[in-house]
Amino acid sequence: MSDVTILVETDVKEEMNQTINPDFRIYATVSFSDHSLQYTATIIVNILATPISFLSFYLILRHSKHEKMSYKVYLFASHLSFYLAQLQMGVFGGLVTLNPFPAVYCQGLLSNYFDAFTLVTFWCFLLCTYAYSAFIMVLIRLQIVARGGKSFDCKQSYYYIVYGIIAFFVYFPVPGLMFLSRRTPEEMRNFVRLKFPNNLQVLEHKGIHIFTELDKTSFVNFVMVGTVVGAFGYLVGIYICIYRATRVHAIQKSSRHIKEHLRSLYNMIIQTTFIGAFMTISALLILKSFFNDPSVDSRISNAIAYSCLCGGSIPSQITMISRNTAYRNFVLRRKAAYRNSTSTQNNRRSTIVKI
């Protein structure tokens, strides 16, 4: 009973603190409830990204004949998971954050069937799957170019251990914090009534998720930024190792073989740079919204942020297709065949007209 009593007393103290320190400000992100501009923008970006993504899927599966099977699998998984994350965030979920007000809701196609917490958690899972696939992909590339008997020429079991460690750091921190923030609808409604009595309008959004533990917001932001910085450091370190291992191979193998490995490395760096740039812009705009004055209407900046997050794959995939010889040749052949077919049809039509 003593433990139960302590828990009850703690809850009472927390409610008293919230009652004593209410926030009477009116938040613009709550009062201006129309966020259709963001949803429209993300839908348009996803429409543009869809044909390029499907072309990339086909090219990876059918025209990556010289790649190691495991590398091709993770390459396909990274592109597929990122595309599904785009659709989940911009179309099916329609994620809307109300920062600096601590809430998120969804306005997408699935918002009538699932609450915001479920949709956001699934989006986080897809994004983590993309990150994990990308991390393993570069690790496999390092394993391919590793010199025999040297540092990275290890047993496959050692690489599996590294895969497990990476999976833990990718899938645990941010999704784990999301699960810790889950509260019942009644708890979230009481929190808003006590803490934000002039923003009860926010409760009209169906399935909204309120972050009730405001003291942990800075810690969550720190974890998110730390995860991004750690991921960037990991990629830079692996890229350096791949480059050094490839250059050392130049003494032992033909220059053509080395050029192929270096070209693959440069392509990976360029693709990562494009996606990283778009995700960085998005993350900075979203992070900035945490520190906005409540009177600031951040709907336009949020529309830009989530459009960048949805559109990051477009320049990356165009770069992948244009810089990969097999992919580029396939596209050029199809383009030439289409032109020839169109020219033949036009000639037939002109002949019929003359007759």
Protein backbone atom coordinates (compact mmCIF):
# COMPACT_ATOMS: atom_id res chain seq x y z
CA MET A 1 0.00 0.00 0.00
CA SER A 2 2.87 2.40 0.68
CA ASP A 3 3.94 2.36 -2.96
CA VAL A 4 0.39 3.09 -4.09
CA THR A 5 0.14 5.96 -1.62
CA ILE A 6 3.38 7.46 -2.90
CA LEU A 7 2.15 7.25 -6.50
CA VAL A 8 -1.16 8.92 -5.61
CA GLU A 9 0.62 11.70 -3.73
CA THR A 10 2.95 12.25 -6.67
CA ASP A 11 0.00 12.54 -9.08
CA VAL A 12 -1.75 14.98 -6.77
CA LYS A 13 1.37 17.14 -6.52
CA GLU A 14 1.75 17.18 -10.29
CA GLU A 15 -1.87 18.26 -10.77
CA MET A 16 -1.44 20.99 -8.13
CA ASN A 17 1.67 22.30 -9.88
CA GLN A 18 -0.16 22.36 -13.19
CA THR A 19 -3.14 24.12 -11.58
CA ILE A 20 -0.94 26.71 -9.90
CA ASN A 21 1.02 27.44 -13.09
CA PRO A 22 -1.50 27.54 -15.93
CA ASP A 23 -0.52 28.98 -19.30
CA PHE A 24 -3.23 31.49 -20.31
CA ARG A 25 -1.61 32.38 -23.64
CA ILE A 26 -3.48 31.64 -26.86
CA TYR A 27 -1.42 29.56 -29.27
CA ALA A 28 -1.67 30.54 -32.92
CA THR A 29 -1.10 26.97 -34.10
CA VAL A 30 -4.23 25.99 -32.18
CA SER A 31 -6.48 28.95 -32.97
CA PHE A 32 -5.63 28.79 -36.70
CA SER A 33 -6.83 25.23 -37.10
CA ASP A 34 -6.79 25.03 -40.92
CA HIS A 35 -3.63 23.12 -41.93
CA SER A 36 -4.85 22.09 -45.37
CA LEU A 37 -1.98 23.96 -47.09
CA GLN A 38 0.55 21.54 -45.59
CA TYR A 39 -1.53 18.50 -46.56
CA THR A 40 -1.95 19.75 -50.14
CA ALA A 41 1.77 20.46 -50.47
CA THR A 42 2.81 17.03 -49.21
CA ILE A 43 0.32 15.30 -51.52
CA ILE A 44 1.73 17.17 -54.54
CA VAL A 45 5.30 16.25 -53.54
CA ASN A 46 4.31 12.59 -53.14
CA ILE A 47 2.65 12.59 -56.57
CA LEU A 48 5.92 13.86 -58.06
CA ALA A 49 7.98 11.34 -56.10
CA THR A 50 5.87 8.26 -56.91
CA PRO A 51 6.91 7.60 -60.57
CA ILE A 52 10.58 8.21 -59.76
CA SER A 53 10.36 5.86 -56.78
CA PHE A 54 8.73 3.06 -58.78
CA LEU A 55 11.32 3.46 -61.52
CA SER A 56 14.04 3.18 -58.88
CA PHE A 57 12.44 0.03 -57.43
CA TYR A 58 12.39 -1.60 -60.87
CA LEU A 59 15.97 -0.63 -61.70
CA ILE A 60 17.30 -1.89 -58.37
CA LEU A 61 15.58 -5.26 -58.71
CA ARG A 62 16.17 -5.88 -62.41
CA HIS A 63 19.32 -3.96 -63.36
CA SER A 64 21.65 -4.32 -60.37
CA LYS A 65 23.18 -7.53 -61.67
CA HIS A 66 26.74 -6.78 -60.56
CA GLU A 67 25.81 -5.98 -56.96
CA LYS A 68 25.99 -8.39 -54.05
CA MET A 69 22.54 -9.79 -53.25
CA SER A 70 22.55 -8.57 -49.64
CA TYR A 71 23.57 -5.08 -50.80
CA LYS A 72 20.76 -5.03 -53.36
CA VAL A 73 18.23 -6.16 -50.75
CA TYR A 74 19.14 -3.38 -48.32
CA LEU A 75 19.32 -0.83 -51.15
CA PHE A 76 15.78 -1.77 -52.17
CA ALA A 77 14.62 -1.77 -48.52
CA SER A 78 16.03 1.72 -47.92
CA HIS A 79 14.25 3.20 -50.95
CA LEU A 80 10.99 1.37 -50.26
CA SER A 81 10.86 2.28 -46.55
CA PHE A 82 11.64 5.94 -47.25
CA TYR A 83 8.91 6.07 -49.91
CA LEU A 84 6.40 4.46 -47.54
CA ALA A 85 7.46 6.92 -44.82
CA GLN A 86 6.76 9.77 -47.26
CA LEU A 87 3.29 8.40 -48.01
CA GLN A 88 2.55 7.77 -44.35
CA MET A 89 3.55 11.27 -43.30
CA GLY A 90 2.17 13.23 -46.25
CA VAL A 91 -0.88 11.28 -47.47
CA PHE A 92 -2.13 8.46 -45.23
CA GLY A 93 -1.22 10.04 -41.90
CA GLY A 94 -1.05 13.74 -42.78
CA LEU A 95 1.07 14.54 -39.73
CA VAL A 96 0.51 18.01 -38.20
CA THR A 97 2.62 19.30 -35.31
CA LEU A 98 1.34 22.27 -33.30
CA ASN A 99 4.65 23.40 -31.81
CA PRO A 100 5.23 25.20 -29.51
CA PHE A 101 1.94 23.78 -28.28
CA PRO A 102 2.81 20.20 -27.22
CA ALA A 103 0.48 18.29 -29.50
CA VAL A 104 0.31 16.43 -32.78
CA TYR A 105 -2.67 15.27 -34.80
CA CYS A 106 -3.26 13.73 -38.24
CA GLN A 107 -5.46 14.83 -41.11
CA GLY A 108 -4.69 12.11 -43.67
CA LEU A 109 -6.70 9.27 -45.15
CA LEU A 110 -6.21 7.02 -42.11
CA SER A 111 -6.91 9.67 -39.47
CA ASN A 112 -10.53 8.49 -39.15
CA TYR A 113 -9.41 4.96 -38.34
CA PHE A 114 -6.33 5.41 -36.12
CA ASP A 115 -5.28 7.98 -33.54
CA ALA A 116 -2.29 10.27 -34.01
CA PHE A 117 -0.07 8.27 -31.67
CA THR A 118 -0.47 5.09 -33.75
CA LEU A 119 0.10 6.86 -37.07
CA VAL A 120 3.12 8.81 -35.84
CA THR A 121 4.63 5.68 -34.27
CA PHE A 122 4.25 3.77 -37.54
CA TRP A 123 5.87 6.68 -39.40
CA CYS A 124 8.79 6.59 -36.95
CA PHE A 125 9.13 2.85 -37.54
CA LEU A 126 9.31 3.33 -41.33
CA LEU A 127 11.85 6.13 -40.97
CA CYS A 128 13.95 4.01 -38.61
CA THR A 129 13.77 1.14 -41.13
CA TYR A 130 15.12 3.48 -43.82
CA ALA A 131 17.96 4.58 -41.54
CA TYR A 132 18.79 1.00 -40.54
CA SER A 133 18.80 -0.18 -44.17
CA ALA A 134 21.03 2.71 -45.21
CA PHE A 135 23.47 2.03 -42.36
CA ILE A 136 23.70 -1.68 -43.14
CA MET A 137 24.06 -0.93 -46.85
CA VAL A 138 27.20 1.15 -46.36
CA LEU A 139 28.55 -1.47 -43.95
CA ILE A 140 28.09 -4.14 -46.62
CA ARG A 141 29.90 -1.91 -49.09
CA LEU A 142 32.78 -1.69 -46.64
CA GLN A 143 32.77 -5.48 -46.29
CA ILE A 144 32.95 -5.82 -50.10
CA VAL A 145 36.05 -3.63 -50.44
CA ALA A 146 37.77 -4.88 -47.26
CA ARG A 147 41.24 -6.31 -47.88
CA GLY A 148 41.90 -9.91 -46.94
CA GLY A 149 43.39 -10.31 -43.49
CA LYS A 150 42.94 -6.64 -42.60
CA SER A 151 40.75 -4.76 -40.13
CA PHE A 152 37.35 -5.12 -41.78
CA ASP A 153 37.86 -8.62 -43.20
CA CYS A 154 35.99 -10.26 -40.33
CA LYS A 155 33.76 -13.27 -39.93
CA GLN A 156 30.17 -12.70 -40.95
CA SER A 157 29.08 -13.41 -37.37
CA TYR A 158 30.94 -10.28 -36.22
CA TYR A 159 29.06 -8.20 -38.76
CA TYR A 160 25.79 -9.69 -37.51
CA ILE A 161 26.66 -8.47 -34.03
CA VAL A 162 27.27 -4.99 -35.42
CA TYR A 163 23.93 -5.20 -37.24
CA GLY A 164 22.24 -5.93 -33.92
CA ILE A 165 23.95 -3.01 -32.17
CA ILE A 166 22.93 -0.65 -34.96
CA ALA A 167 19.34 -1.93 -34.79
CA PHE A 168 19.23 -1.18 -31.06
CA PHE A 169 20.43 2.42 -31.45
CA VAL A 170 18.16 3.04 -34.44
CA TYR A 171 14.90 1.50 -33.20
CA PHE A 172 15.09 2.16 -29.46
CA PRO A 173 15.69 5.86 -28.55
CA VAL A 174 13.06 7.91 -30.41
CA PRO A 175 10.30 5.24 -30.65
CA GLY A 176 10.97 4.39 -27.01
CA LEU A 177 10.41 7.99 -25.97
CA MET A 178 7.21 8.03 -28.02
CA PHE A 179 5.84 5.05 -26.09
CA LEU A 180 6.78 6.66 -22.77
CA SER A 181 4.76 9.75 -23.72
CA ARG A 182 1.51 7.85 -24.29
CA ARG A 183 -1.42 8.86 -22.09
CA THR A 184 -5.11 8.07 -22.01
CA PRO A 185 -7.53 10.50 -23.73
CA GLU A 186 -8.94 11.49 -20.34
CA GLU A 187 -5.48 12.31 -18.98
CA MET A 188 -4.70 14.43 -22.04
CA ARG A 189 -8.01 16.33 -21.79
CA ASN A 190 -7.46 17.05 -18.09
CA PHE A 191 -3.93 18.23 -18.82
CA VAL A 192 -5.14 20.73 -21.43
CA ARG A 193 -7.91 22.03 -19.15
CA LEU A 194 -5.44 22.58 -16.33
CA LYS A 195 -2.39 23.81 -18.21
CA PHE A 196 -3.83 25.52 -21.30
CA PRO A 197 -7.36 26.66 -20.36
CA ASN A 198 -7.54 29.11 -23.30
CA ASN A 199 -6.69 26.48 -25.91
CA LEU A 200 -9.47 23.95 -25.40
CA GLN A 201 -10.16 24.19 -29.13
CA VAL A 202 -7.28 21.76 -29.67
CA LEU A 203 -9.39 18.93 -28.21
CA GLU A 204 -11.70 19.13 -31.24
CA HIS A 205 -9.10 17.35 -33.39
CA LYS A 206 -9.98 13.67 -33.59
CA GLY A 207 -7.32 11.32 -32.21
CA ILE A 208 -4.98 14.13 -31.13
CA HIS A 209 -1.95 13.25 -29.02
CA ILE A 210 -0.95 15.67 -26.25
CA PHE A 211 2.54 15.54 -24.76
CA THR A 212 1.76 16.01 -21.08
CA GLU A 213 5.31 15.87 -19.65
CA LEU A 214 6.65 19.27 -20.66
CA ASP A 215 9.77 18.95 -18.53
CA LYS A 216 10.99 16.14 -20.79
CA THR A 217 10.62 18.10 -24.04
CA SER A 218 14.20 19.38 -23.95
CA PHE A 219 15.46 15.86 -23.31
CA VAL A 220 13.49 14.53 -26.29
CA ASN A 221 14.94 17.28 -28.49
CA PHE A 222 18.43 16.44 -27.26
CA VAL A 223 17.94 12.76 -28.08
CA MET A 224 16.65 13.58 -31.56
CA VAL A 225 19.53 15.94 -32.35
CA GLY A 226 22.03 13.49 -30.83
CA THR A 227 20.63 10.67 -32.97
CA VAL A 228 20.99 12.75 -36.15
CA VAL A 229 24.53 13.83 -35.26
CA GLY A 230 25.48 10.25 -34.39
CA ALA A 231 24.07 8.98 -37.69
CA PHE A 232 26.01 11.62 -39.62
CA GLY A 233 29.21 10.73 -37.77
CA TYR A 234 28.66 7.02 -38.46
CA LEU A 235 28.19 7.61 -42.20
CA VAL A 236 31.22 9.88 -42.46
CA GLY A 237 33.39 7.31 -40.65
CA ILE A 238 32.22 4.42 -42.84
CA TYR A 239 32.68 6.46 -46.02
CA ILE A 240 36.25 7.28 -45.01
CA CYS A 241 36.96 3.60 -44.31
CA ILE A 242 35.48 2.57 -47.68
CA TYR A 243 37.56 5.18 -49.49
CA ARG A 244 40.80 4.16 -47.80
CA ALA A 245 40.19 0.44 -48.37
CA THR A 246 39.36 1.08 -52.02
CA ARG A 247 42.44 3.22 -52.64
CA VAL A 248 44.71 0.59 -51.10
CA HIS A 249 43.23 -1.97 -53.50
CA ALA A 250 44.54 0.11 -56.40
CA ILE A 251 47.92 -1.54 -55.94
CA GLN A 252 46.47 -5.04 -56.28
CA LYS A 253 43.63 -4.75 -58.81
CA SER A 254 42.93 -3.09 -62.15
CA SER A 255 42.18 0.60 -62.32
CA ARG A 256 38.76 -0.16 -63.85
CA HIS A 257 37.81 -2.23 -60.80
CA ILE A 258 38.91 0.59 -58.49
CA LYS A 259 37.05 3.20 -60.51
CA GLU A 260 33.84 1.17 -60.20
CA HIS A 261 34.16 1.01 -56.42
CA LEU A 262 35.00 4.71 -56.17
CA ARG A 263 32.10 5.61 -58.46
CA SER A 264 29.75 3.61 -56.22
CA LEU A 265 31.14 5.39 -53.18
CA TYR A 266 30.73 8.85 -54.75
CA ASN A 267 27.16 7.97 -55.77
CA MET A 268 26.32 6.91 -52.22
CA ILE A 269 27.80 10.12 -50.81
CA ILE A 270 25.87 12.31 -53.25
CA GLN A 271 22.58 10.50 -52.59
CA THR A 272 23.11 10.73 -48.84
CA THR A 273 23.98 14.42 -49.16
CA PHE A 274 20.73 15.20 -50.98
CA ILE A 275 18.53 13.33 -48.52
CA GLY A 276 20.55 14.68 -45.59
CA ALA A 277 20.21 18.26 -46.84
CA PHE A 278 16.44 18.03 -47.22
CA MET A 279 16.04 16.28 -43.87
CA THR A 280 18.30 18.84 -42.18
CA ILE A 281 16.21 21.73 -43.52
CA SER A 282 13.06 19.98 -42.32
CA ALA A 283 14.54 19.18 -38.89
CA LEU A 284 15.79 22.75 -38.35
CA LEU A 285 12.42 24.27 -39.24
CA ILE A 286 10.59 21.85 -36.96
CA LEU A 287 13.13 22.37 -34.17
CA LYS A 288 12.78 26.14 -34.53
CA SER A 289 9.03 25.84 -34.07
CA PHE A 290 9.60 24.47 -30.56
CA PHE A 291 10.99 27.87 -29.53
CA ASN A 292 8.49 30.08 -31.38
CA ASP A 293 6.40 32.60 -29.52
CA PRO A 294 2.86 31.22 -29.09
CA SER A 295 1.51 34.09 -31.20
CA VAL A 296 3.60 33.03 -34.25
CA ASP A 297 1.68 31.25 -37.00
CA SER A 298 4.06 28.53 -38.20
CA ARG A 299 1.79 26.84 -40.74
CA ILE A 300 3.81 27.97 -43.77
CA SER A 301 7.15 26.95 -42.28
CA ASN A 302 5.66 23.58 -41.29
CA ALA A 303 4.38 23.10 -44.85
CA ILE A 304 7.89 23.75 -46.16
CA ALA A 305 9.44 21.47 -43.54
CA TYR A 306 7.24 18.46 -44.26
CA SER A 307 7.38 19.03 -48.02
CA CYS A 308 11.18 18.87 -47.79
CA LEU A 309 10.94 15.69 -45.76
CA CYS A 310 8.63 14.13 -48.36
CA GLY A 311 10.68 15.34 -51.33
CA GLY A 312 14.16 14.38 -50.17
CA SER A 313 14.09 11.17 -52.19
CA ILE A 314 13.46 12.91 -55.54
CA PRO A 315 16.93 14.43 -56.16
CA SER A 316 18.57 11.42 -54.50
CA GLN A 317 16.90 8.90 -56.81
CA ILE A 318 17.44 11.05 -59.91
CA THR A 319 21.14 11.18 -59.00
CA MET A 320 21.25 7.42 -58.48
CA ILE A 321 19.69 6.76 -61.88
CA SER A 322 21.79 9.31 -63.77
CA ARG A 323 25.14 8.25 -62.29
CA ASN A 324 24.64 4.47 -62.49
CA THR A 325 25.65 3.27 -65.96
CA ALA A 326 23.19 0.33 -66.11
CA TYR A 327 20.27 2.43 -64.84
CA ARG A 328 21.07 5.34 -67.15
CA ASN A 329 21.44 3.12 -70.22
CA PHE A 330 18.07 1.47 -69.54
CA VAL A 331 16.33 4.84 -69.30
CA LEU A 332 18.02 6.12 -72.46
CA ARG A 333 17.09 2.96 -74.38
CA ARG A 334 13.47 3.25 -73.30
CA LYS A 335 13.45 6.92 -74.23
CA ALA A 336 14.89 6.16 -77.68
CA ALA A 337 12.38 3.35 -78.21
CA TYR A 338 9.53 5.68 -77.28
CA ARG A 339 10.75 8.32 -79.73
CA ASN A 340 11.05 5.75 -82.51
CA SER A 341 7.57 4.43 -81.79
CA THR A 342 6.13 7.95 -81.83
CA SER A 343 7.94 8.78 -85.07
CA THR A 344 6.63 5.59 -86.72
CA GLN A 345 3.07 6.36 -85.67
CA ASN A 346 3.35 9.91 -87.02
CA ASN A 347 4.69 8.62 -90.34
CA ARG A 348 1.79 6.17 -90.63
CA ARG A 349 -0.72 8.90 -89.93
CA SER A 350 0.83 11.20 -92.57
CA THR A 351 0.77 8.34 -95.12
CA ILE A 352 -2.91 7.70 -94.44
CA VAL A 353 -3.70 11.38 -94.87
CA LYS A 354 -1.85 11.53 -98.23
CA ILE A 355 -3.73 8.47 -99.52
